[in-house]
Amino acid sequence: MKKLFAQIIPLFYGKLFNLMVIFNPRQTAIKAFDVFCTIRQGRIRANQKVFLDQAKLVLETIGEHNIQTYNWPGTGDTILLIHGWESNTFRWRNLIEKLKEKDYNIIAFDAPAHGYSSGKRLHVPLYSKSSRFVMDKHKPTHIIAHSVGGMTTLYDHYVNQDSSVKKIITIGAPAEFSQFMDHYQHLLKFNNKVRDAMNQRLKEWLGFNFHEFSSRIFVANNTKEGLLIHDTKDLQVPYEASVEVHKSWKGSKLITTTGFGHSMHQEEVNNQIIEFLQS
């Protein structure tokens, strides 16, 4: 029953948007983005509390949100960790242990609507606002970001120049906002009038249409050293996303894995990250 209910709800929204767009395209687009950006998972679970609570730093007020930050102190370079969609800082637990062994100073935070942070919705510019606040405060030398966190980092360095960051690592990161919309439209079965209204709304809202919101564009003039890690069997974000970003990002390196999936917690991946940081 629960599975059936989960299938029916998206179709209900799709039919609602198809009806709404006849009368008010702009309001339809606003509602469609509201549903798209709503976070349904990623809060702290009982088995995650001990690991995270010991490293709590400050609950920062950033705009309308209270953002939980963390610190595992070290005497080496400062590294900022940025997690992905419907996740939280706990996802870095294996890598954090590796980084602690090398005495890095580790900073992390839960995105809006994730972990201990407040909110119900997330999108890349909102995530960027939080990450920029944390970067300006802690001046990381390196950034390691997973999934949407990776896209957020590349977007942020497109709209903000940051001299303190030397190396950026993305893991399983998406590249094209249009692909998100392809999946969203397929899931909800809304028509192209709704999609066009959303495209116009995105341009009005953030200054980009779907095809312009692209990591390939964001990295075209990025001068940071970059490492992209992606698995050919990633079922959440296509491997080709990192291939295309790598082509556009001078100074980047692409590491390909097979069979590691999207989360990429494996020791081999973490060892590659450490090697790149120390090179």
Protein backbone atom coordinates (compact mmCIF):
# COMPACT_ATOMS: atom_id res chain seq x y z
CA MET A 1 0.00 0.00 0.00
CA LYS A 2 2.80 2.42 0.90
CA LYS A 3 4.53 1.78 -2.42
CA LEU A 4 1.28 2.30 -4.34
CA PHE A 5 0.65 5.54 -2.45
CA ALA A 6 4.15 6.76 -3.35
CA GLN A 7 3.39 6.14 -7.03
CA ILE A 8 0.01 7.86 -6.97
CA ILE A 9 1.13 11.11 -5.31
CA PRO A 10 3.49 12.20 -8.14
CA LEU A 11 0.80 11.50 -10.74
CA PHE A 12 -1.69 13.54 -8.71
CA TYR A 13 0.69 16.51 -8.76
CA GLY A 14 1.27 16.07 -12.47
CA LYS A 15 -2.44 16.21 -13.24
CA LEU A 16 -2.84 19.19 -10.91
CA PHE A 17 -0.07 21.10 -12.69
CA ASN A 18 -1.54 20.26 -16.10
CA LEU A 19 -4.83 21.80 -14.99
CA MET A 20 -3.30 24.81 -13.20
CA VAL A 21 -1.12 25.81 -16.14
CA ILE A 22 -4.21 26.52 -18.27
CA PHE A 23 -5.22 29.34 -15.92
CA ASN A 24 -1.97 30.58 -14.36
CA PRO A 25 1.37 29.35 -15.80
CA ARG A 26 3.53 31.40 -13.43
CA GLN A 27 1.79 30.19 -10.28
CA THR A 28 1.93 26.64 -11.62
CA ALA A 29 5.68 26.93 -12.07
CA ILE A 30 6.12 28.29 -8.54
CA LYS A 31 4.12 25.38 -7.10
CA ALA A 32 5.98 22.84 -9.26
CA PHE A 33 9.35 24.13 -8.04
CA ASP A 34 8.06 24.10 -4.47
CA VAL A 35 7.25 20.39 -4.77
CA PHE A 36 10.54 19.71 -6.59
CA CYS A 37 12.64 21.36 -3.87
CA THR A 38 10.90 19.73 -0.88
CA ILE A 39 13.20 17.47 1.14
CA ARG A 40 11.71 14.22 2.48
CA GLN A 41 14.76 12.46 3.92
CA GLY A 42 18.14 13.30 5.41
CA ARG A 43 17.37 14.15 9.03
CA ILE A 44 19.65 12.78 11.76
CA ARG A 45 18.91 9.17 12.67
CA ALA A 46 19.56 7.63 16.07
CA ASN A 47 22.63 5.72 14.88
CA GLN A 48 24.20 8.95 13.57
CA LYS A 49 23.88 11.10 16.69
CA VAL A 50 26.94 10.02 18.65
CA PHE A 51 29.33 10.55 15.75
CA LEU A 52 27.92 13.97 14.85
CA ASP A 53 27.12 15.34 18.30
CA GLN A 54 30.72 15.09 19.43
CA ALA A 55 31.78 17.39 16.58
CA LYS A 56 29.03 20.02 16.74
CA LEU A 57 30.49 23.49 16.32
CA VAL A 58 28.03 26.39 15.93
CA LEU A 59 24.41 26.65 14.85
CA GLU A 60 24.83 29.48 12.35
CA THR A 61 21.98 31.78 11.33
CA ILE A 62 22.23 32.14 7.55
CA GLY A 63 19.32 34.02 6.04
CA GLU A 64 16.14 32.35 7.24
CA HIS A 65 17.85 29.13 8.27
CA ASN A 66 19.74 27.78 11.26
CA ILE A 67 22.64 25.77 9.87
CA GLN A 68 24.47 23.19 11.99
CA THR A 69 28.23 23.26 11.50
CA TYR A 70 30.80 20.69 12.64
CA ASN A 71 34.52 20.60 13.29
CA TRP A 72 37.02 17.81 13.67
CA PRO A 73 40.08 19.92 14.53
CA GLY A 74 43.54 19.38 13.12
CA THR A 75 46.72 21.36 12.53
CA GLY A 76 46.81 20.84 8.76
CA ASP A 77 44.93 22.46 5.89
CA THR A 78 41.25 23.19 6.41
CA ILE A 79 38.91 21.01 4.39
CA LEU A 80 35.21 21.71 3.86
CA LEU A 81 32.87 18.75 3.29
CA ILE A 82 29.58 19.33 1.43
CA HIS A 83 27.07 16.45 1.36
CA GLY A 84 24.43 15.60 -1.25
CA TRP A 85 20.64 15.58 -1.62
CA GLU A 86 18.61 14.05 1.24
CA SER A 87 21.75 13.22 3.17
CA ASN A 88 23.71 14.89 5.99
CA THR A 89 27.24 15.23 7.36
CA PHE A 90 27.23 11.63 8.65
CA ARG A 91 27.74 10.43 5.07
CA TRP A 92 31.39 11.54 5.39
CA ARG A 93 32.16 9.35 8.42
CA ASN A 94 34.65 7.03 6.61
CA LEU A 95 36.48 9.85 4.87
CA ILE A 96 36.60 11.90 8.07
CA GLU A 97 38.53 9.12 9.81
CA LYS A 98 41.04 9.12 6.93
CA LEU A 99 41.38 12.90 7.03
CA LYS A 100 41.86 12.86 10.81
CA GLU A 101 44.78 10.45 10.38
CA LYS A 102 46.46 13.12 8.23
CA ASP A 103 45.64 15.83 10.81
CA TYR A 104 43.50 17.95 8.49
CA ASN A 105 41.22 20.54 10.07
CA ILE A 106 37.76 19.35 8.97
CA ILE A 107 34.73 21.62 8.66
CA ALA A 108 31.28 20.39 7.59
CA PHE A 109 27.66 21.48 7.81
CA ASP A 110 24.16 20.16 7.24
CA ALA A 111 22.39 21.77 4.30
CA PRO A 112 19.08 23.59 4.80
CA ALA A 113 16.33 21.00 5.46
CA HIS A 114 18.95 18.31 6.19
CA GLY A 115 20.51 16.88 9.33
CA TYR A 116 20.14 19.24 12.29
CA SER A 117 19.60 22.32 10.08
CA SER A 118 16.24 24.03 9.73
CA GLY A 119 14.03 24.26 6.68
CA LYS A 120 11.91 22.11 4.39
CA ARG A 121 13.33 22.80 0.93
CA LEU A 122 16.65 23.00 -0.87
CA HIS A 123 17.95 24.16 -4.24
CA VAL A 124 21.47 24.84 -5.47
CA PRO A 125 21.55 28.66 -4.99
CA LEU A 126 20.17 28.28 -1.45
CA TYR A 127 22.80 25.62 -0.72
CA SER A 128 25.43 27.92 -2.20
CA LYS A 129 24.38 30.71 0.19
CA SER A 130 25.07 28.43 3.17
CA SER A 131 28.33 27.07 1.78
CA ARG A 132 29.55 30.59 0.94
CA PHE A 133 28.90 31.74 4.51
CA VAL A 134 30.87 28.78 5.88
CA MET A 135 33.69 29.30 3.35
CA ASP A 136 33.99 33.00 4.15
CA LYS A 137 34.18 32.21 7.85
CA HIS A 138 36.55 29.22 7.83
CA LYS A 139 38.62 29.83 4.66
CA PRO A 140 39.05 26.20 3.56
CA THR A 141 42.00 25.28 1.41
CA HIS A 142 40.17 22.33 -0.16
CA ILE A 143 36.54 21.36 -0.77
CA ILE A 144 35.18 17.83 -1.08
CA ALA A 145 31.57 17.61 -2.26
CA HIS A 146 29.20 14.77 -3.06
CA SER A 147 26.37 14.73 -5.63
CA VAL A 148 24.31 17.96 -5.53
CA GLY A 149 26.93 19.31 -3.14
CA GLY A 150 29.38 19.06 -6.04
CA MET A 151 27.12 20.98 -8.40
CA THR A 152 26.60 23.57 -5.65
CA THR A 153 30.35 24.02 -5.22
CA LEU A 154 30.96 24.52 -8.94
CA TYR A 155 28.03 26.93 -9.16
CA ASP A 156 29.31 28.88 -6.16
CA HIS A 157 32.78 29.25 -7.67
CA TYR A 158 31.14 30.48 -10.86
CA VAL A 159 29.27 33.32 -9.14
CA ASN A 160 31.85 34.03 -6.39
CA GLN A 161 35.60 34.27 -6.71
CA ASP A 162 37.42 32.52 -3.88
CA SER A 163 41.17 32.87 -3.54
CA SER A 164 41.56 30.64 -0.47
CA VAL A 165 40.40 27.41 -2.13
CA LYS A 166 43.11 25.54 -4.03
CA LYS A 167 41.54 22.15 -4.79
CA ILE A 168 37.95 21.01 -5.42
CA ILE A 169 36.88 17.37 -5.41
CA THR A 170 33.44 16.31 -6.63
CA ILE A 171 32.02 12.81 -6.23
CA GLY A 172 29.09 11.58 -8.34
CA ALA A 173 28.06 15.15 -9.09
CA PRO A 174 25.30 16.06 -11.56
CA ALA A 175 26.02 18.57 -14.31
CA GLU A 176 22.82 19.53 -16.12
CA PHE A 177 19.72 20.99 -14.49
CA SER A 178 17.78 20.01 -17.62
CA GLN A 179 18.35 16.35 -16.68
CA PHE A 180 16.71 16.96 -13.31
CA MET A 181 13.72 18.35 -15.17
CA ASP A 182 13.66 15.37 -17.54
CA HIS A 183 13.38 13.04 -14.55
CA TYR A 184 10.86 15.25 -12.76
CA GLN A 185 8.62 15.49 -15.82
CA HIS A 186 8.84 11.74 -16.41
CA LEU A 187 7.94 11.02 -12.77
CA LEU A 188 4.96 13.38 -12.56
CA LYS A 189 3.84 13.09 -16.20
CA PHE A 190 3.18 16.82 -16.55
CA ASN A 191 2.99 18.32 -20.04
CA ASN A 192 5.39 20.61 -21.87
CA LYS A 193 3.32 23.70 -21.05
CA VAL A 194 4.19 23.11 -17.40
CA ARG A 195 7.83 22.53 -18.29
CA ASP A 196 7.96 25.73 -20.36
CA ALA A 197 6.41 27.68 -17.49
CA MET A 198 9.04 26.27 -15.13
CA ASN A 199 11.79 27.20 -17.57
CA GLN A 200 10.54 30.78 -17.72
CA ARG A 201 10.21 30.89 -13.94
CA LEU A 202 13.80 29.70 -13.45
CA LYS A 203 15.02 32.47 -15.75
CA GLU A 204 13.00 35.03 -13.84
CA TRP A 205 13.99 33.62 -10.45
CA LEU A 206 17.69 32.81 -10.83
CA GLY A 207 18.70 34.25 -14.19
CA PHE A 208 19.20 30.88 -15.89
CA ASN A 209 17.04 28.71 -18.08
CA PHE A 210 17.33 24.92 -17.77
CA HIS A 211 20.15 24.51 -20.29
CA GLU A 212 22.13 27.46 -18.94
CA PHE A 213 22.22 25.99 -15.43
CA SER A 214 25.09 23.67 -16.26
CA SER A 215 28.30 22.70 -14.49
CA ARG A 216 29.98 22.57 -17.91
CA ILE A 217 29.40 26.33 -18.08
CA PHE A 218 30.27 26.90 -14.43
CA VAL A 219 33.77 25.38 -14.78
CA ALA A 220 34.73 26.90 -18.14
CA ASN A 221 36.91 29.53 -16.43
CA ASN A 222 37.57 27.69 -13.17
CA THR A 223 41.29 27.83 -12.38
CA LYS A 224 41.19 25.56 -9.32
CA GLU A 225 42.76 22.11 -9.38
CA GLY A 226 39.89 19.67 -9.75
CA LEU A 227 39.28 15.99 -9.18
CA LEU A 228 36.08 14.38 -10.39
CA ILE A 229 35.23 10.86 -9.20
CA HIS A 230 32.30 9.03 -10.77
CA ASP A 231 31.12 5.46 -11.13
CA THR A 232 30.01 4.05 -14.47
CA LYS A 233 27.19 2.19 -12.69
CA ASP A 234 25.86 5.23 -10.82
CA LEU A 235 22.06 4.91 -10.97
CA GLN A 236 21.32 8.37 -9.53
CA VAL A 237 23.61 10.59 -11.62
CA PRO A 238 24.89 9.48 -15.03
CA TYR A 239 28.65 8.96 -15.32
CA GLU A 240 28.65 11.14 -18.45
CA ALA A 241 27.96 14.18 -16.26
CA SER A 242 31.50 14.15 -14.87
CA VAL A 243 32.96 13.25 -18.26
CA GLU A 244 31.47 16.40 -19.79
CA VAL A 245 32.50 18.62 -16.88
CA HIS A 246 36.04 17.23 -17.07
CA LYS A 247 36.20 18.22 -20.76
CA SER A 248 35.27 21.81 -19.87
CA TRP A 249 37.43 22.16 -16.74
CA LYS A 250 41.09 22.80 -17.51
CA GLY A 251 43.28 21.41 -14.77
CA SER A 252 40.80 18.73 -13.71
CA LYS A 253 41.38 15.01 -13.38
CA LEU A 254 38.71 12.33 -13.79
CA ILE A 255 38.80 9.07 -11.84
CA THR A 256 36.42 6.38 -13.06
CA THR A 257 35.19 3.48 -10.94
CA THR A 258 32.85 0.62 -11.78
CA GLY A 259 30.45 -1.01 -9.34
CA PHE A 260 30.86 1.48 -6.47
CA GLY A 261 27.46 3.12 -7.06
CA HIS A 262 26.50 6.66 -6.14
CA SER A 263 27.43 6.97 -2.45
CA MET A 264 31.14 6.14 -2.95
CA HIS A 265 32.12 5.39 0.66
CA GLN A 266 34.73 2.79 -0.36
CA GLU A 267 38.27 2.90 1.01
CA GLU A 268 39.68 2.97 -2.52
CA VAL A 269 37.79 6.20 -3.22
CA ASN A 270 38.90 7.79 0.05
CA ASN A 271 42.52 6.82 -0.62
CA GLN A 272 42.33 8.50 -4.05
CA ILE A 273 41.01 11.64 -2.36
CA ILE A 274 43.87 11.69 0.18
CA GLU A 275 46.42 11.15 -2.59
CA PHE A 276 45.03 14.08 -4.59
CA LEU A 277 45.00 16.36 -1.55
CA GLN A 278 48.63 15.58 -0.79
CA SER A 279 49.91 15.79 -4.36
